[in-house]
Amino acid sequence: MILEKGNMWNVFGKTELFLITTNPIIRKDGAVVMGRGIAKEVKERFPRFPYLMAEQLSRAHPEIDADMHCCSPLATFDEQLMGYFMVKRHWREPALKEIIANSVEHLLLLPLRYGFNSSARIDLNFPGINNGRLRREDVLPLIQRLPDNVHVWTYEN
C-alpha cells in the first residue's frame, strides 16, 4: 500500500479503479445514501452511481449485509472504472473496524474475482476516518496488508 496526501480526484481517469468509502443503506427512492465526504462528491458528479450501487447490492443480497458485499467495482463514469469500499453498516453510525477488515479482504481478492491484473493501480480514500469517526492509527493496521498497487489517500488541499 502506498499512502498519498492530496486530492484523490487528481488521479481520476488515470487509475484502473477509483474506490470510494460508503455504506449499504438504500433510501426509499432506490439510491444508496451518499451524503458526506467523497461519497457525496461522487453522487453530485455522477448521479447514477448511488442507484447502480443500490441495484448491485440488492441483486447480491436481498437482505443487505455489509459484511458479505464489502468491496466491488461498479461501473465506468467518464471512462473511469469506479467502485465502493464499505466502512459502515449505517450512514449515521461510525465506521466499524470489522467492516473495513472485510473490505480489505475483498479488495485483496479483486484480481481473482473480477480478472484485474494484480498490479493494476487502485486508488481509495483513507477508510473510516473523518465521517467514519475512527482514528487513523486504529485503521492503519487494518489496511497495511494492501499491496503496493493500492494507493490510499488522505485528503489535503
C-alpha atoms as a PDB file:
ATOM      1  CA  MET A   1       0.000   0.000   0.000  1.00  0.00           C
ATOM      2  CA  ILE A   2       1.177   3.477  -0.793  1.00  0.00           C
ATOM      3  CA  LEU A   3      -0.071   6.342   1.373  1.00  0.00           C
ATOM      4  CA  GLU A   4      -0.848   9.508  -0.549  1.00  0.00           C
ATOM      5  CA  LYS A   5      -1.756  13.017   0.582  1.00  0.00           C
ATOM      6  CA  GLY A   6      -3.740  15.398  -1.535  1.00  0.00           C
ATOM      7  CA  ASN A   7      -6.906  15.315  -3.565  1.00  0.00           C
ATOM      8  CA  MET A   8      -7.735  11.832  -4.854  1.00  0.00           C
ATOM      9  CA  TRP A   9      -9.710  13.407  -7.700  1.00  0.00           C
ATOM     10  CA  ASN A  10      -6.353  14.326  -9.255  1.00  0.00           C
ATOM     11  CA  VAL A  11      -5.920  10.670 -10.307  1.00  0.00           C
ATOM     12  CA  PHE A  12      -9.468  10.281 -11.628  1.00  0.00           C
ATOM     13  CA  GLY A  13      -9.177   8.897 -15.152  1.00  0.00           C
ATOM     14  CA  LYS A  14      -5.567   7.808 -14.538  1.00  0.00           C
ATOM     15  CA  THR A  15      -6.151   4.756 -12.339  1.00  0.00           C
ATOM     16  CA  GLU A  16      -7.563   1.308 -13.025  1.00  0.00           C
ATOM     17  CA  LEU A  17     -10.120   1.505 -10.202  1.00  0.00           C
ATOM     18  CA  PHE A  18     -11.316   4.552  -8.247  1.00  0.00           C
ATOM     19  CA  LEU A  19     -12.820   3.265  -4.973  1.00  0.00           C
ATOM     20  CA  ILE A  20     -14.827   5.317  -2.519  1.00  0.00           C
ATOM     21  CA  THR A  21     -15.850   4.516   1.023  1.00  0.00           C
ATOM     22  CA  THR A  22     -19.550   4.213   1.733  1.00  0.00           C
ATOM     23  CA  ASN A  23     -22.367   2.320   3.467  1.00  0.00           C
ATOM     24  CA  PRO A  24     -25.085  -0.083   2.227  1.00  0.00           C
ATOM     25  CA  ILE A  25     -28.219   1.830   3.248  1.00  0.00           C
ATOM     26  CA  ILE A  26     -30.728   2.244   0.419  1.00  0.00           C
ATOM     27  CA  ARG A  27     -33.188   5.151   0.501  1.00  0.00           C
ATOM     28  CA  LYS A  28     -36.861   4.848  -0.467  1.00  0.00           C
ATOM     29  CA  ASP A  29     -36.077   6.218  -3.929  1.00  0.00           C
ATOM     30  CA  GLY A  30     -33.712   3.294  -4.596  1.00  0.00           C
ATOM     31  CA  ALA A  31     -30.347   5.034  -4.134  1.00  0.00           C
ATOM     32  CA  VAL A  32     -27.629   4.362  -1.585  1.00  0.00           C
ATOM     33  CA  VAL A  33     -27.251   7.151   0.986  1.00  0.00           C
ATOM     34  CA  MET A  34     -24.205   9.199  -0.020  1.00  0.00           C
ATOM     35  CA  GLY A  35     -24.442  12.410   1.951  1.00  0.00           C
ATOM     36  CA  ARG A  36     -20.928  13.278   3.080  1.00  0.00           C
ATOM     37  CA  GLY A  37     -17.305  13.244   2.074  1.00  0.00           C
ATOM     38  CA  ILE A  38     -16.135  11.719  -1.172  1.00  0.00           C
ATOM     39  CA  ALA A  39     -19.366   9.705  -1.461  1.00  0.00           C
ATOM     40  CA  LYS A  40     -21.319  12.952  -1.659  1.00  0.00           C
ATOM     41  CA  GLU A  41     -18.876  14.294  -4.256  1.00  0.00           C
ATOM     42  CA  VAL A  42     -19.371  11.150  -6.352  1.00  0.00           C
ATOM     43  CA  LYS A  43     -23.161  11.423  -6.074  1.00  0.00           C
ATOM     44  CA  GLU A  44     -23.015  15.057  -7.218  1.00  0.00           C
ATOM     45  CA  ARG A  45     -20.684  14.321 -10.150  1.00  0.00           C
ATOM     46  CA  PHE A  46     -22.339  11.039 -11.161  1.00  0.00           C
ATOM     47  CA  PRO A  47     -25.987  10.952 -10.010  1.00  0.00           C
ATOM     48  CA  ARG A  48     -26.465   7.396 -11.344  1.00  0.00           C
ATOM     49  CA  PHE A  49     -23.752   5.955  -9.051  1.00  0.00           C
ATOM     50  CA  PRO A  50     -25.904   5.592  -5.889  1.00  0.00           C
ATOM     51  CA  TYR A  51     -28.706   3.940  -7.895  1.00  0.00           C
ATOM     52  CA  LEU A  52     -26.374   1.494  -9.631  1.00  0.00           C
ATOM     53  CA  MET A  53     -24.745   0.651  -6.324  1.00  0.00           C
ATOM     54  CA  ALA A  54     -28.145   0.001  -4.724  1.00  0.00           C
ATOM     55  CA  GLU A  55     -29.096  -2.271  -7.628  1.00  0.00           C
ATOM     56  CA  GLN A  56     -25.863  -4.230  -7.284  1.00  0.00           C
ATOM     57  CA  LEU A  57     -26.256  -4.594  -3.527  1.00  0.00           C
ATOM     58  CA  SER A  58     -29.882  -5.671  -3.868  1.00  0.00           C
ATOM     59  CA  ARG A  59     -29.033  -8.285  -6.508  1.00  0.00           C
ATOM     60  CA  ALA A  60     -26.146  -9.636  -4.469  1.00  0.00           C
ATOM     61  CA  HIS A  61     -28.006  -9.811  -1.167  1.00  0.00           C
ATOM     62  CA  PRO A  62     -31.718  -9.031  -0.933  1.00  0.00           C
ATOM     63  CA  GLU A  63     -31.244  -8.538   2.817  1.00  0.00           C
ATOM     64  CA  ILE A  64     -28.242  -6.274   2.605  1.00  0.00           C
ATOM     65  CA  ASP A  65     -25.349  -7.329   4.799  1.00  0.00           C
ATOM     66  CA  ALA A  66     -22.317  -5.066   4.625  1.00  0.00           C
ATOM     67  CA  ASP A  67     -20.086  -7.910   5.810  1.00  0.00           C
ATOM     68  CA  MET A  68     -20.977 -10.012   2.773  1.00  0.00           C
ATOM     69  CA  HIS A  69     -20.519  -7.499  -0.042  1.00  0.00           C
ATOM     70  CA  CYS A  70     -17.770  -5.138   1.016  1.00  0.00           C
ATOM     71  CA  CYS A  71     -15.746  -4.068  -1.966  1.00  0.00           C
ATOM     72  CA  SER A  72     -16.690  -4.133  -5.613  1.00  0.00           C
ATOM     73  CA  PRO A  73     -16.121  -2.438  -8.953  1.00  0.00           C
ATOM     74  CA  LEU A  74     -19.416  -0.914 -10.053  1.00  0.00           C
ATOM     75  CA  ALA A  75     -19.471   0.995 -13.331  1.00  0.00           C
ATOM     76  CA  THR A  76     -17.490   3.252 -15.622  1.00  0.00           C
ATOM     77  CA  PHE A  77     -18.075   7.002 -15.472  1.00  0.00           C
ATOM     78  CA  ASP A  78     -16.189   9.365 -17.800  1.00  0.00           C
ATOM     79  CA  GLU A  79     -14.016   6.400 -18.842  1.00  0.00           C
ATOM     80  CA  GLN A  80     -13.024   5.663 -15.213  1.00  0.00           C
ATOM     81  CA  LEU A  81     -13.992   2.387 -13.533  1.00  0.00           C
ATOM     82  CA  MET A  82     -15.386   3.207 -10.112  1.00  0.00           C
ATOM     83  CA  GLY A  83     -16.395   1.094  -7.160  1.00  0.00           C
ATOM     84  CA  TYR A  84     -17.110   1.086  -3.473  1.00  0.00           C
ATOM     85  CA  PHE A  85     -15.397   0.020  -0.254  1.00  0.00           C
ATOM     86  CA  MET A  86     -17.745  -0.475   2.707  1.00  0.00           C
ATOM     87  CA  VAL A  87     -16.846   1.035   6.063  1.00  0.00           C
ATOM     88  CA  LYS A  88     -20.219   1.275   7.844  1.00  0.00           C
ATOM     89  CA  ARG A  89     -23.409  -0.685   8.465  1.00  0.00           C
ATOM     90  CA  HIS A  90     -25.465   2.521   8.521  1.00  0.00           C
ATOM     91  CA  TRP A  91     -24.631   6.045   7.394  1.00  0.00           C
ATOM     92  CA  ARG A  92     -25.500   7.504  10.820  1.00  0.00           C
ATOM     93  CA  GLU A  93     -23.100   5.225  12.680  1.00  0.00           C
ATOM     94  CA  PRO A  94     -19.333   5.320  12.931  1.00  0.00           C
ATOM     95  CA  ALA A  95     -17.255   3.109  10.681  1.00  0.00           C
ATOM     96  CA  LEU A  96     -16.504  -0.352  12.050  1.00  0.00           C
ATOM     97  CA  LYS A  97     -13.062  -1.909  12.015  1.00  0.00           C
ATOM     98  CA  GLU A  98     -14.603  -5.321  11.219  1.00  0.00           C
ATOM     99  CA  ILE A  99     -16.238  -3.992   8.049  1.00  0.00           C
ATOM    100  CA  ILE A 100     -13.024  -2.281   6.981  1.00  0.00           C
ATOM    101  CA  ALA A 101     -11.124  -5.547   7.547  1.00  0.00           C
ATOM    102  CA  ASN A 102     -13.695  -7.431   5.438  1.00  0.00           C
ATOM    103  CA  SER A 103     -13.453  -4.805   2.713  1.00  0.00           C
ATOM    104  CA  VAL A 104      -9.673  -5.204   2.711  1.00  0.00           C
ATOM    105  CA  GLU A 105     -10.114  -8.977   2.259  1.00  0.00           C
ATOM    106  CA  HIS A 106     -12.478  -8.393  -0.660  1.00  0.00           C
ATOM    107  CA  LEU A 107     -10.075  -5.878  -2.195  1.00  0.00           C
ATOM    108  CA  LEU A 108      -7.269  -8.433  -1.994  1.00  0.00           C
ATOM    109  CA  LEU A 109      -9.469 -10.852  -3.968  1.00  0.00           C
ATOM    110  CA  LEU A 110     -10.295  -8.425  -6.803  1.00  0.00           C
ATOM    111  CA  PRO A 111      -7.731  -9.925  -9.204  1.00  0.00           C
ATOM    112  CA  LEU A 112      -9.297 -13.375  -8.781  1.00  0.00           C
ATOM    113  CA  ARG A 113     -12.947 -12.342  -8.623  1.00  0.00           C
ATOM    114  CA  TYR A 114     -13.001  -9.711 -11.368  1.00  0.00           C
ATOM    115  CA  GLY A 115      -9.996 -10.558 -13.543  1.00  0.00           C
ATOM    116  CA  PHE A 116      -7.983  -7.499 -12.545  1.00  0.00           C
ATOM    117  CA  ASN A 117      -4.286  -7.532 -13.220  1.00  0.00           C
ATOM    118  CA  SER A 118      -2.719  -7.899  -9.766  1.00  0.00           C
ATOM    119  CA  SER A 119      -0.538  -4.861 -10.459  1.00  0.00           C
ATOM    120  CA  ALA A 120      -3.415  -2.637 -11.647  1.00  0.00           C
ATOM    121  CA  ARG A 121      -3.443   0.685  -9.848  1.00  0.00           C
ATOM    122  CA  ILE A 122      -6.295   1.112  -7.374  1.00  0.00           C
ATOM    123  CA  ASP A 123      -6.993   4.373  -5.537  1.00  0.00           C
ATOM    124  CA  LEU A 124      -9.053   4.571  -2.337  1.00  0.00           C
ATOM    125  CA  ASN A 125      -9.771   7.342   0.111  1.00  0.00           C
ATOM    126  CA  PHE A 126      -8.471   6.526   3.618  1.00  0.00           C
ATOM    127  CA  PRO A 127     -11.257   4.366   5.087  1.00  0.00           C
ATOM    128  CA  GLY A 128     -13.088   5.021   8.329  1.00  0.00           C
ATOM    129  CA  ILE A 129     -11.609   8.364   9.313  1.00  0.00           C
ATOM    130  CA  ASN A 130     -13.310  11.781   9.191  1.00  0.00           C
ATOM    131  CA  ASN A 131     -17.033  10.952   8.739  1.00  0.00           C
ATOM    132  CA  GLY A 132     -16.302   7.384   9.843  1.00  0.00           C
ATOM    133  CA  ARG A 133     -15.105   8.768  13.176  1.00  0.00           C
ATOM    134  CA  LEU A 134     -12.282   6.248  13.630  1.00  0.00           C
ATOM    135  CA  ARG A 135      -8.737   7.241  14.419  1.00  0.00           C
ATOM    136  CA  ARG A 136      -6.196   6.915  11.639  1.00  0.00           C
ATOM    137  CA  GLU A 137      -3.836   4.968  13.890  1.00  0.00           C
ATOM    138  CA  ASP A 138      -6.593   2.420  14.585  1.00  0.00           C
ATOM    139  CA  VAL A 139      -7.348   1.890  10.892  1.00  0.00           C
ATOM    140  CA  LEU A 140      -3.780   1.814   9.580  1.00  0.00           C
ATOM    141  CA  PRO A 141      -3.025  -1.724  10.862  1.00  0.00           C
ATOM    142  CA  LEU A 142      -6.168  -2.977   9.074  1.00  0.00           C
ATOM    143  CA  ILE A 143      -5.127  -1.644   5.669  1.00  0.00           C
ATOM    144  CA  GLN A 144      -1.377  -2.277   5.836  1.00  0.00           C
ATOM    145  CA  ARG A 145      -1.864  -5.676   4.156  1.00  0.00           C
ATOM    146  CA  LEU A 146      -2.866  -3.975   0.922  1.00  0.00           C
ATOM    147  CA  PRO A 147      -0.270  -4.356  -1.849  1.00  0.00           C
ATOM    148  CA  ASP A 148       1.727  -1.500  -3.377  1.00  0.00           C
ATOM    149  CA  ASN A 149      -0.649  -1.132  -6.313  1.00  0.00           C
ATOM    150  CA  VAL A 150      -3.238   0.258  -3.872  1.00  0.00           C
ATOM    151  CA  HIS A 151      -2.895   3.985  -3.174  1.00  0.00           C
ATOM    152  CA  VAL A 152      -4.715   5.163  -0.038  1.00  0.00           C
ATOM    153  CA  TRP A 153      -5.468   8.878   0.072  1.00  0.00           C
ATOM    154  CA  THR A 154      -5.689  11.307   2.946  1.00  0.00           C
ATOM    155  CA  TYR A 155      -7.398  14.471   1.745  1.00  0.00           C
ATOM    156  CA  GLU A 156      -5.261  17.589   1.810  1.00  0.00           C
ATOM    157  CA  ASN A 157      -5.756  20.886  -0.047  1.00  0.00           C
END
